[in-house]
């Protein structure tokens, strides 16, 4: 489901305070990186990641692959940083970055 502009604005406000939790670097999308992305999305629902893989086109391809593999939605991308969302109805309120957001 596509996010409305109002939802994106709300998620960007939350994401502004977050630090990148996963970094994709020169090794690309390894199994370990994908597992960490899955864990982070399951626990936190809204995460910020850093993608430092080189040229803009490569970065776009890597982010598109991340979205495809994790079934997450991109809220925002600025430079090397992307804000990803994947709702988890079973997320623990103590870990979720969306615990105060109306679902």
PDB file of N, CA and C in Angstrom:
ATOM      1  N   UNK A   1       0.842  -1.182   0.000  1.00  0.00           N
ATOM      2  CA  UNK A   1       0.000   0.000   0.000  1.00  0.00           C
ATOM      3  C   UNK A   1       0.885   1.242   0.000  1.00  0.00           C
ATOM      4  N   UNK A   2       0.629   2.148  -0.906  1.00  0.00           N
ATOM      5  CA  UNK A   2       1.414   3.377  -1.004  1.00  0.00           C
ATOM      6  C   UNK A   2       1.101   4.295   0.177  1.00  0.00           C
ATOM      7  N   UNK A   3       2.117   5.006   0.593  1.00  0.00           N
ATOM      8  CA  UNK A   3       1.961   5.928   1.717  1.00  0.00           C
ATOM      9  C   UNK A   3       1.424   7.269   1.217  1.00  0.00           C
ATOM     10  N   UNK A   4       0.532   7.862   1.988  1.00  0.00           N
ATOM     11  CA  UNK A   4       0.035   9.192   1.643  1.00  0.00           C
ATOM     12  C   UNK A   4       1.101  10.222   2.017  1.00  0.00           C
ATOM     13  N   UNK A   5       0.959  11.414   1.500  1.00  0.00           N
ATOM     14  CA  UNK A   5       1.918  12.470   1.828  1.00  0.00           C
ATOM     15  C   UNK A   5       1.914  12.792   3.313  1.00  0.00           C
ATOM     16  N   UNK A   6       0.738  12.726   3.930  1.00  0.00           N
ATOM     17  CA  UNK A   6       0.630  13.004   5.363  1.00  0.00           C
ATOM     18  C   UNK A   6       1.349  11.931   6.185  1.00  0.00           C
ATOM     19  N   UNK A   7       1.203  10.661   5.769  1.00  0.00           N
ATOM     20  CA  UNK A   7       1.904   9.575   6.457  1.00  0.00           C
ATOM     21  C   UNK A   7       3.415   9.735   6.303  1.00  0.00           C
ATOM     22  N   UNK A   8       3.860  10.035   5.084  1.00  0.00           N
ATOM     23  CA  UNK A   8       5.290  10.227   4.854  1.00  0.00           C
ATOM     24  C   UNK A   8       5.842  11.347   5.729  1.00  0.00           C
ATOM     25  N   UNK A   9       5.097  12.418   5.834  1.00  0.00           N
ATOM     26  CA  UNK A   9       5.523  13.553   6.653  1.00  0.00           C
ATOM     27  C   UNK A   9       5.680  13.134   8.114  1.00  0.00           C
ATOM     28  N   UNK A  10       4.722  12.363   8.600  1.00  0.00           N
ATOM     29  CA  UNK A  10       4.765  11.883   9.976  1.00  0.00           C
ATOM     30  C   UNK A  10       5.964  10.953  10.201  1.00  0.00           C
ATOM     31  N   UNK A  11       6.193  10.029   9.261  1.00  0.00           N
ATOM     32  CA  UNK A  11       7.308   9.093   9.380  1.00  0.00           C
ATOM     33  C   UNK A  11       8.652   9.809   9.243  1.00  0.00           C
ATOM     34  N   UNK A  12       8.722  10.812   8.385  1.00  0.00           N
ATOM     35  CA  UNK A  12       9.968  11.583   8.250  1.00  0.00           C
ATOM     36  C   UNK A  12      10.289  12.310   9.544  1.00  0.00           C
ATOM     37  N   UNK A  13       9.267  12.815  10.222  1.00  0.00           N
ATOM     38  CA  UNK A  13       9.483  13.503  11.494  1.00  0.00           C
ATOM     39  C   UNK A  13      10.066  12.546  12.529  1.00  0.00           C
ATOM     40  N   UNK A  14       9.571  11.317  12.565  1.00  0.00           N
ATOM     41  CA  UNK A  14      10.108  10.308  13.484  1.00  0.00           C
ATOM     42  C   UNK A  14      11.520   9.924  13.048  1.00  0.00           C
ATOM     43  N   UNK A  15      11.709   9.715  11.748  1.00  0.00           N
ATOM     44  CA  UNK A  15      12.985   9.274  11.216  1.00  0.00           C
ATOM     45  C   UNK A  15      14.096  10.289  11.367  1.00  0.00           C
ATOM     46  N   UNK A  16      13.735  11.565  11.454  1.00  0.00           N
ATOM     47  CA  UNK A  16      14.746  12.611  11.603  1.00  0.00           C
ATOM     48  C   UNK A  16      15.612  12.385  12.838  1.00  0.00           C
ATOM     49  N   UNK A  17      15.032  11.836  13.888  1.00  0.00           N
ATOM     50  CA  UNK A  17      15.741  11.602  15.146  1.00  0.00           C
ATOM     51  C   UNK A  17      16.563  10.318  15.140  1.00  0.00           C
ATOM     52  N   UNK A  18      16.330   9.446  14.163  1.00  0.00           N
ATOM     53  CA  UNK A  18      16.982   8.141  14.146  1.00  0.00           C
ATOM     54  C   UNK A  18      18.387   8.216  13.572  1.00  0.00           C
ATOM     55  N   UNK A  19      19.234   7.325  14.025  1.00  0.00           N
ATOM     56  CA  UNK A  19      20.561   7.138  13.447  1.00  0.00           C
ATOM     57  C   UNK A  19      20.506   5.916  12.539  1.00  0.00           C
ATOM     58  N   UNK A  20      21.352   5.877  11.497  1.00  0.00           N
ATOM     59  CA  UNK A  20      21.368   4.687  10.642  1.00  0.00           C
ATOM     60  C   UNK A  20      21.681   3.433  11.452  1.00  0.00           C
ATOM     61  N   UNK A  21      20.873   2.406  11.273  1.00  0.00           N
ATOM     62  CA  UNK A  21      21.011   1.184  12.061  1.00  0.00           C
ATOM     63  C   UNK A  21      21.734   0.100  11.269  1.00  0.00           C
ATOM     64  N   UNK A  22      21.711   0.205   9.941  1.00  0.00           N
ATOM     65  CA  UNK A  22      22.394  -0.754   9.067  1.00  0.00           C
ATOM     66  C   UNK A  22      23.144   0.051   8.012  1.00  0.00           C
ATOM     67  N   UNK A  23      24.365  -0.375   7.711  1.00  0.00           N
ATOM     68  CA  UNK A  23      25.155   0.255   6.656  1.00  0.00           C
ATOM     69  C   UNK A  23      25.481  -0.770   5.587  1.00  0.00           C
ATOM     70  N   UNK A  24      25.174  -0.419   4.357  1.00  0.00           N
ATOM     71  CA  UNK A  24      25.537  -1.250   3.215  1.00  0.00           C
ATOM     72  C   UNK A  24      26.745  -0.563   2.578  1.00  0.00           C
ATOM     73  N   UNK A  25      27.876  -1.247   2.582  1.00  0.00           N
ATOM     74  CA  UNK A  25      29.111  -0.647   2.072  1.00  0.00           C
ATOM     75  C   UNK A  25      29.588  -1.388   0.828  1.00  0.00           C
ATOM     76  N   UNK A  26      30.881  -1.359   0.601  1.00  0.00           N
ATOM     77  CA  UNK A  26      31.460  -1.880  -0.648  1.00  0.00           C
ATOM     78  C   UNK A  26      31.202  -3.366  -0.880  1.00  0.00           C
ATOM     79  N   UNK A  27      30.944  -4.153   0.169  1.00  0.00           N
ATOM     80  CA  UNK A  27      30.651  -5.578  -0.011  1.00  0.00           C
ATOM     81  C   UNK A  27      29.239  -5.811  -0.539  1.00  0.00           C
ATOM     82  N   UNK A  28      28.405  -4.788  -0.540  1.00  0.00           N
ATOM     83  CA  UNK A  28      27.054  -4.898  -1.078  1.00  0.00           C
ATOM     84  C   UNK A  28      26.096  -5.622  -0.154  1.00  0.00           C
ATOM     85  N   UNK A  29      25.094  -6.239  -0.753  1.00  0.00           N
ATOM     86  CA  UNK A  29      24.044  -6.916   0.008  1.00  0.00           C
ATOM     87  C   UNK A  29      24.451  -8.353   0.311  1.00  0.00           C
ATOM     88  N   UNK A  30      25.174  -8.521   1.370  1.00  0.00           N
ATOM     89  CA  UNK A  30      25.562  -9.861   1.800  1.00  0.00           C
ATOM     90  C   UNK A  30      24.416 -10.486   2.588  1.00  0.00           C
ATOM     91  N   UNK A  31      24.529 -11.761   2.837  1.00  0.00           N
ATOM     92  CA  UNK A  31      23.519 -12.463   3.630  1.00  0.00           C
ATOM     93  C   UNK A  31      23.390 -11.833   5.011  1.00  0.00           C
ATOM     94  N   UNK A  32      24.503 -11.477   5.614  1.00  0.00           N
ATOM     95  CA  UNK A  32      24.488 -10.855   6.937  1.00  0.00           C
ATOM     96  C   UNK A  32      23.761  -9.523   6.945  1.00  0.00           C
ATOM     97  N   UNK A  33      23.952  -8.729   5.899  1.00  0.00           N
ATOM     98  CA  UNK A  33      23.282  -7.430   5.809  1.00  0.00           C
ATOM     99  C   UNK A  33      21.769  -7.629   5.675  1.00  0.00           C
ATOM    100  N   UNK A  34      21.363  -8.568   4.834  1.00  0.00           N
ATOM    101  CA  UNK A  34      19.931  -8.840   4.653  1.00  0.00           C
ATOM    102  C   UNK A  34      19.307  -9.337   5.960  1.00  0.00           C
ATOM    103  N   UNK A  35      20.003 -10.216   6.664  1.00  0.00           N
ATOM    104  CA  UNK A  35      19.496 -10.713   7.951  1.00  0.00           C
ATOM    105  C   UNK A  35      19.356  -9.578   8.959  1.00  0.00           C
ATOM    106  N   UNK A  36      20.323  -8.687   8.990  1.00  0.00           N
ATOM    107  CA  UNK A  36      20.263  -7.557   9.919  1.00  0.00           C
ATOM    108  C   UNK A  36      19.131  -6.602   9.543  1.00  0.00           C
ATOM    109  N   UNK A  37      18.923  -6.380   8.255  1.00  0.00           N
ATOM    110  CA  UNK A  37      17.798  -5.551   7.816  1.00  0.00           C
ATOM    111  C   UNK A  37      16.464  -6.164   8.243  1.00  0.00           C
ATOM    112  N   UNK A  38      16.338  -7.474   8.064  1.00  0.00           N
ATOM    113  CA  UNK A  38      15.109  -8.169   8.472  1.00  0.00           C
ATOM    114  C   UNK A  38      14.873  -8.029   9.972  1.00  0.00           C
ATOM    115  N   UNK A  39      15.920  -8.243  10.755  1.00  0.00           N
ATOM    116  CA  UNK A  39      15.798  -8.137  12.204  1.00  0.00           C
ATOM    117  C   UNK A  39      15.405  -6.724  12.604  1.00  0.00           C
ATOM    118  N   UNK A  40      16.075  -5.735  12.023  1.00  0.00           N
ATOM    119  CA  UNK A  40      15.803  -4.342  12.360  1.00  0.00           C
ATOM    120  C   UNK A  40      14.380  -3.940  11.979  1.00  0.00           C
ATOM    121  N   UNK A  41      13.922  -4.341  10.804  1.00  0.00           N
ATOM    122  CA  UNK A  41      12.556  -4.013  10.385  1.00  0.00           C
ATOM    123  C   UNK A  41      11.521  -4.715  11.259  1.00  0.00           C
ATOM    124  N   UNK A  42      11.781  -5.956  11.646  1.00  0.00           N
ATOM    125  CA  UNK A  42      10.851  -6.669  12.529  1.00  0.00           C
ATOM    126  C   UNK A  42      10.768  -6.000  13.891  1.00  0.00           C
ATOM    127  N   UNK A  43      11.907  -5.568  14.416  1.00  0.00           N
ATOM    128  CA  UNK A  43      11.939  -4.967  15.750  1.00  0.00           C
ATOM    129  C   UNK A  43      11.474  -3.514  15.757  1.00  0.00           C
ATOM    130  N   UNK A  44      11.969  -2.717  14.817  1.00  0.00           N
ATOM    131  CA  UNK A  44      11.788  -1.267  14.872  1.00  0.00           C
ATOM    132  C   UNK A  44      10.750  -0.712  13.901  1.00  0.00           C
ATOM    133  N   UNK A  45      10.405  -1.461  12.878  1.00  0.00           N
ATOM    134  CA  UNK A  45       9.430  -1.100  11.849  1.00  0.00           C
ATOM    135  C   UNK A  45       9.874   0.061  10.959  1.00  0.00           C
ATOM    136  N   UNK A  46      10.369   1.130  11.539  1.00  0.00           N
ATOM    137  CA  UNK A  46      10.862   2.285  10.791  1.00  0.00           C
ATOM    138  C   UNK A  46      12.351   2.402  11.083  1.00  0.00           C
ATOM    139  N   UNK A  47      13.176   2.261  10.033  1.00  0.00           N
ATOM    140  CA  UNK A  47      14.625   2.307  10.248  1.00  0.00           C
ATOM    141  C   UNK A  47      15.287   3.229   9.229  1.00  0.00           C
ATOM    142  N   UNK A  48      16.434   3.728   9.628  1.00  0.00           N
ATOM    143  CA  UNK A  48      17.258   4.523   8.741  1.00  0.00           C
ATOM    144  C   UNK A  48      18.473   3.681   8.400  1.00  0.00           C
ATOM    145  N   UNK A  49      18.813   3.623   7.104  1.00  0.00           N
ATOM    146  CA  UNK A  49      19.984   2.872   6.679  1.00  0.00           C
ATOM    147  C   UNK A  49      20.912   3.793   5.893  1.00  0.00           C
ATOM    148  N   UNK A  50      22.175   3.402   5.846  1.00  0.00           N
ATOM    149  CA  UNK A  50      23.165   4.143   5.076  1.00  0.00           C
ATOM    150  C   UNK A  50      23.667   3.234   3.962  1.00  0.00           C
ATOM    151  N   UNK A  51      23.649   3.746   2.735  1.00  0.00           N
ATOM    152  CA  UNK A  51      24.073   2.971   1.569  1.00  0.00           C
ATOM    153  C   UNK A  51      25.263   3.683   0.935  1.00  0.00           C
ATOM    154  N   UNK A  52      26.460   3.178   1.196  1.00  0.00           N
ATOM    155  CA  UNK A  52      27.691   3.772   0.676  1.00  0.00           C
ATOM    156  C   UNK A  52      28.329   2.816  -0.320  1.00  0.00           C
ATOM    157  N   UNK A  53      27.766   2.750  -1.515  1.00  0.00           N
ATOM    158  CA  UNK A  53      28.237   1.782  -2.495  1.00  0.00           C
ATOM    159  C   UNK A  53      28.819   2.430  -3.744  1.00  0.00           C
ATOM    160  N   UNK A  54      28.901   3.713  -3.799  1.00  0.00           N
ATOM    161  CA  UNK A  54      29.515   4.351  -4.960  1.00  0.00           C
ATOM    162  C   UNK A  54      28.575   5.272  -5.688  1.00  0.00           C
ATOM    163  N   UNK A  55      28.462   5.037  -6.980  1.00  0.00           N
ATOM    164  CA  UNK A  55      27.715   5.937  -7.852  1.00  0.00           C
ATOM    165  C   UNK A  55      26.212   5.909  -7.580  1.00  0.00           C
ATOM    166  N   UNK A  56      25.555   6.982  -7.964  1.00  0.00           N
ATOM    167  CA  UNK A  56      24.125   7.178  -7.727  1.00  0.00           C
ATOM    168  C   UNK A  56      23.286   6.037  -8.301  1.00  0.00           C
ATOM    169  N   UNK A  57      23.612   5.598  -9.518  1.00  0.00           N
ATOM    170  CA  UNK A  57      22.843   4.532 -10.156  1.00  0.00           C
ATOM    171  C   UNK A  57      22.955   3.220  -9.388  1.00  0.00           C
ATOM    172  N   UNK A  58      24.169   2.922  -8.923  1.00  0.00           N
ATOM    173  CA  UNK A  58      24.395   1.698  -8.139  1.00  0.00           C
ATOM    174  C   UNK A  58      23.621   1.776  -6.833  1.00  0.00           C
ATOM    175  N   UNK A  59      23.644   2.938  -6.219  1.00  0.00           N
ATOM    176  CA  UNK A  59      22.923   3.147  -4.963  1.00  0.00           C
ATOM    177  C   UNK A  59      21.429   2.909  -5.148  1.00  0.00           C
ATOM    178  N   UNK A  60      20.871   3.439  -6.236  1.00  0.00           N
ATOM    179  CA  UNK A  60      19.446   3.237  -6.523  1.00  0.00           C
ATOM    180  C   UNK A  60      19.127   1.758  -6.714  1.00  0.00           C
ATOM    181  N   UNK A  61      20.008   1.046  -7.417  1.00  0.00           N
ATOM    182  CA  UNK A  61      19.802  -0.387  -7.635  1.00  0.00           C
ATOM    183  C   UNK A  61      19.848  -1.172  -6.328  1.00  0.00           C
ATOM    184  N   UNK A  62      20.796  -0.818  -5.462  1.00  0.00           N
ATOM    185  CA  UNK A  62      20.922  -1.507  -4.169  1.00  0.00           C
ATOM    186  C   UNK A  62      19.688  -1.247  -3.312  1.00  0.00           C
ATOM    187  N   UNK A  63      19.221  -0.017  -3.264  1.00  0.00           N
ATOM    188  CA  UNK A  63      18.036   0.309  -2.467  1.00  0.00           C
ATOM    189  C   UNK A  63      16.810  -0.401  -3.043  1.00  0.00           C
ATOM    190  N   UNK A  64      16.679  -0.443  -4.361  1.00  0.00           N
ATOM    191  CA  UNK A  64      15.554  -1.152  -4.979  1.00  0.00           C
ATOM    192  C   UNK A  64      15.592  -2.631  -4.623  1.00  0.00           C
ATOM    193  N   UNK A  65      16.773  -3.218  -4.604  1.00  0.00           N
ATOM    194  CA  UNK A  65      16.912  -4.634  -4.235  1.00  0.00           C
ATOM    195  C   UNK A  65      16.559  -4.846  -2.760  1.00  0.00           C
ATOM    196  N   UNK A  66      16.967  -3.930  -1.904  1.00  0.00           N
ATOM    197  CA  UNK A  66      16.621  -4.016  -0.482  1.00  0.00           C
ATOM    198  C   UNK A  66      15.105  -3.982  -0.310  1.00  0.00           C
ATOM    199  N   UNK A  67      14.448  -3.056  -1.002  1.00  0.00           N
ATOM    200  CA  UNK A  67      12.991  -2.939  -0.895  1.00  0.00           C
ATOM    201  C   UNK A  67      12.310  -4.209  -1.389  1.00  0.00           C
ATOM    202  N   UNK A  68      12.830  -4.785  -2.455  1.00  0.00           N
ATOM    203  CA  UNK A  68      12.252  -6.009  -3.012  1.00  0.00           C
ATOM    204  C   UNK A  68      12.442  -7.193  -2.059  1.00  0.00           C
ATOM    205  N   UNK A  69      13.648  -7.348  -1.520  1.00  0.00           N
ATOM    206  CA  UNK A  69      13.946  -8.493  -0.656  1.00  0.00           C
ATOM    207  C   UNK A  69      13.246  -8.406   0.703  1.00  0.00           C
ATOM    208  N   UNK A  70      13.122  -7.208   1.244  1.00  0.00           N
ATOM    209  CA  UNK A  70      12.555  -7.054   2.584  1.00  0.00           C
ATOM    210  C   UNK A  70      11.064  -6.720   2.562  1.00  0.00           C
ATOM    211  N   UNK A  71      10.532  -6.400   1.384  1.00  0.00           N
ATOM    212  CA  UNK A  71       9.130  -5.983   1.238  1.00  0.00           C
ATOM    213  C   UNK A  71       8.828  -4.741   2.075  1.00  0.00           C
ATOM    214  N   UNK A  72       9.820  -3.861   2.160  1.00  0.00           N
ATOM    215  CA  UNK A  72       9.671  -2.604   2.891  1.00  0.00           C
ATOM    216  C   UNK A  72       9.290  -1.499   1.910  1.00  0.00           C
ATOM    217  N   UNK A  73       8.869  -0.371   2.449  1.00  0.00           N
ATOM    218  CA  UNK A  73       8.549   0.803   1.647  1.00  0.00           C
ATOM    219  C   UNK A  73       9.555   1.896   1.979  1.00  0.00           C
ATOM    220  N   UNK A  74       9.962   2.646   0.951  1.00  0.00           N
ATOM    221  CA  UNK A  74      10.872   3.752   1.211  1.00  0.00           C
ATOM    222  C   UNK A  74      10.050   4.990   1.522  1.00  0.00           C
ATOM    223  N   UNK A  75      10.338   5.591   2.665  1.00  0.00           N
ATOM    224  CA  UNK A  75       9.665   6.815   3.071  1.00  0.00           C
ATOM    225  C   UNK A  75      10.404   8.004   2.480  1.00  0.00           C
ATOM    226  N   UNK A  76      11.746   7.946   2.526  1.00  0.00           N
ATOM    227  CA  UNK A  76      12.544   9.075   2.078  1.00  0.00           C
ATOM    228  C   UNK A  76      13.969   8.610   1.782  1.00  0.00           C
ATOM    229  N   UNK A  77      14.609   9.278   0.821  1.00  0.00           N
ATOM    230  CA  UNK A  77      16.030   9.069   0.576  1.00  0.00           C
ATOM    231  C   UNK A  77      16.686  10.416   0.385  1.00  0.00           C
ATOM    232  N   UNK A  78      17.746  10.633   1.148  1.00  0.00           N
ATOM    233  CA  UNK A  78      18.548  11.844   1.014  1.00  0.00           C
ATOM    234  C   UNK A  78      20.000  11.400   0.970  1.00  0.00           C
ATOM    235  N   UNK A  79      20.640  11.600  -0.165  1.00  0.00           N
ATOM    236  CA  UNK A  79      22.042  11.210  -0.310  1.00  0.00           C
ATOM    237  C   UNK A  79      22.231   9.723  -0.086  1.00  0.00           C
ATOM    238  N   UNK A  80      23.111   9.379   0.857  1.00  0.00           N
ATOM    239  CA  UNK A  80      23.417   7.977   1.168  1.00  0.00           C
ATOM    240  C   UNK A  80      22.468   7.376   2.187  1.00  0.00           C
ATOM    241  N   UNK A  81      21.504   8.128   2.656  1.00  0.00           N
ATOM    242  CA  UNK A  81      20.630   7.677   3.737  1.00  0.00           C
ATOM    243  C   UNK A  81      19.211   7.451   3.227  1.00  0.00           C
ATOM    244  N   UNK A  82      18.637   6.316   3.627  1.00  0.00           N
ATOM    245  CA  UNK A  82      17.256   6.001   3.253  1.00  0.00           C
ATOM    246  C   UNK A  82      16.467   5.647   4.512  1.00  0.00           C
ATOM    247  N   UNK A  83      15.214   6.044   4.526  1.00  0.00           N
ATOM    248  CA  UNK A  83      14.307   5.748   5.629  1.00  0.00           C
ATOM    249  C   UNK A  83      13.312   4.713   5.129  1.00  0.00           C
ATOM    250  N   UNK A  84      13.315   3.531   5.767  1.00  0.00           N
ATOM    251  CA  UNK A  84      12.485   2.412   5.329  1.00  0.00           C
ATOM    252  C   UNK A  84      11.422   2.084   6.364  1.00  0.00           C
ATOM    253  N   UNK A  85      10.282   1.623   5.873  1.00  0.00           N
ATOM    254  CA  UNK A  85       9.160   1.271   6.732  1.00  0.00           C
ATOM    255  C   UNK A  85       8.630  -0.099   6.341  1.00  0.00           C
ATOM    256  N   UNK A  86       8.422  -0.934   7.328  1.00  0.00           N
ATOM    257  CA  UNK A  86       7.684  -2.186   7.145  1.00  0.00           C
ATOM    258  C   UNK A  86       6.930  -2.424   8.446  1.00  0.00           C
ATOM    259  N   UNK A  87       5.628  -2.302   8.375  1.00  0.00           N
ATOM    260  CA  UNK A  87       4.811  -2.474   9.576  1.00  0.00           C
ATOM    261  C   UNK A  87       4.839  -3.923  10.038  1.00  0.00           C
ATOM    262  N   UNK A  88       4.853  -4.100  11.355  1.00  0.00           N
ATOM    263  CA  UNK A  88       4.849  -5.422  11.962  1.00  0.00           C
ATOM    264  C   UNK A  88       3.798  -5.414  13.068  1.00  0.00           C
ATOM    265  N   UNK A  89       2.659  -6.062  12.858  1.00  0.00           N
ATOM    266  CA  UNK A  89       1.600  -6.049  13.867  1.00  0.00           C
ATOM    267  C   UNK A  89       2.020  -6.700  15.182  1.00  0.00           C
ATOM    268  N   UNK A  90       3.062  -7.527  15.149  1.00  0.00           N
ATOM    269  CA  UNK A  90       3.521  -8.208  16.358  1.00  0.00           C
ATOM    270  C   UNK A  90       4.758  -7.556  16.964  1.00  0.00           C
ATOM    271  N   UNK A  91       5.077  -6.338  16.556  1.00  0.00           N
ATOM    272  CA  UNK A  91       6.270  -5.654  17.063  1.00  0.00           C
ATOM    273  C   UNK A  91       6.113  -5.327  18.544  1.00  0.00           C
ATOM    274  N   UNK A  92       7.210  -5.444  19.268  1.00  0.00           N
ATOM    275  CA  UNK A  92       7.198  -5.086  20.684  1.00  0.00           C
ATOM    276  C   UNK A  92       7.205  -3.564  20.803  1.00  0.00           C
ATOM    277  N   UNK A  93       6.307  -3.045  21.615  1.00  0.00           N
ATOM    278  CA  UNK A  93       6.186  -1.593  21.770  1.00  0.00           C
ATOM    279  C   UNK A  93       7.480  -0.973  22.285  1.00  0.00           C
ATOM    280  N   UNK A  94       8.234  -1.717  23.081  1.00  0.00           N
ATOM    281  CA  UNK A  94       9.470  -1.166  23.645  1.00  0.00           C
ATOM    282  C   UNK A  94      10.567  -0.997  22.593  1.00  0.00           C
ATOM    283  N   UNK A  95      10.494  -1.724  21.485  1.00  0.00           N
ATOM    284  CA  UNK A  95      11.509  -1.636  20.433  1.00  0.00           C
ATOM    285  C   UNK A  95      11.052  -0.816  19.226  1.00  0.00           C
ATOM    286  N   UNK A  96       9.770  -0.770  18.976  1.00  0.00           N
ATOM    287  CA  UNK A  96       9.250  -0.134  17.776  1.00  0.00           C
ATOM    288  C   UNK A  96       9.420   1.371  17.806  1.00  0.00           C
ATOM    289  N   UNK A  97       9.832   1.935  16.676  1.00  0.00           N
ATOM    290  CA  UNK A  97       9.899   3.382  16.531  1.00  0.00           C
ATOM    291  C   UNK A  97       8.529   3.982  16.256  1.00  0.00           C
ATOM    292  N   UNK A  98       7.538   3.127  16.050  1.00  0.00           N
ATOM    293  CA  UNK A  98       6.182   3.573  15.744  1.00  0.00           C
ATOM    294  C   UNK A  98       5.224   3.346  16.897  1.00  0.00           C
ATOM    295  N   UNK A  99       5.728   3.108  18.083  1.00  0.00           N
ATOM    296  CA  UNK A  99       4.850   2.772  19.215  1.00  0.00           C
ATOM    297  C   UNK A  99       3.878   3.887  19.564  1.00  0.00           C
ATOM    298  N   UNK A 100       4.202   5.137  19.226  1.00  0.00           N
ATOM    299  CA  UNK A 100       3.301   6.251  19.546  1.00  0.00           C
ATOM    300  C   UNK A 100       2.485   6.714  18.352  1.00  0.00           C
ATOM    301  N   UNK A 101       2.569   5.993  17.234  1.00  0.00           N
ATOM    302  CA  UNK A 101       1.864   6.371  16.015  1.00  0.00           C
ATOM    303  C   UNK A 101       0.580   5.560  15.898  1.00  0.00           C
ATOM    304  N   UNK A 102      -0.468   6.230  15.490  1.00  0.00           N
ATOM    305  CA  UNK A 102      -1.737   5.534  15.257  1.00  0.00           C
ATOM    306  C   UNK A 102      -1.601   4.726  13.978  1.00  0.00           C
ATOM    307  N   UNK A 103      -1.965   3.469  14.050  1.00  0.00           N
ATOM    308  CA  UNK A 103      -1.801   2.581  12.884  1.00  0.00           C
ATOM    309  C   UNK A 103      -3.027   2.606  12.046  1.00  0.00           C
TER     310      UNK A 103
END
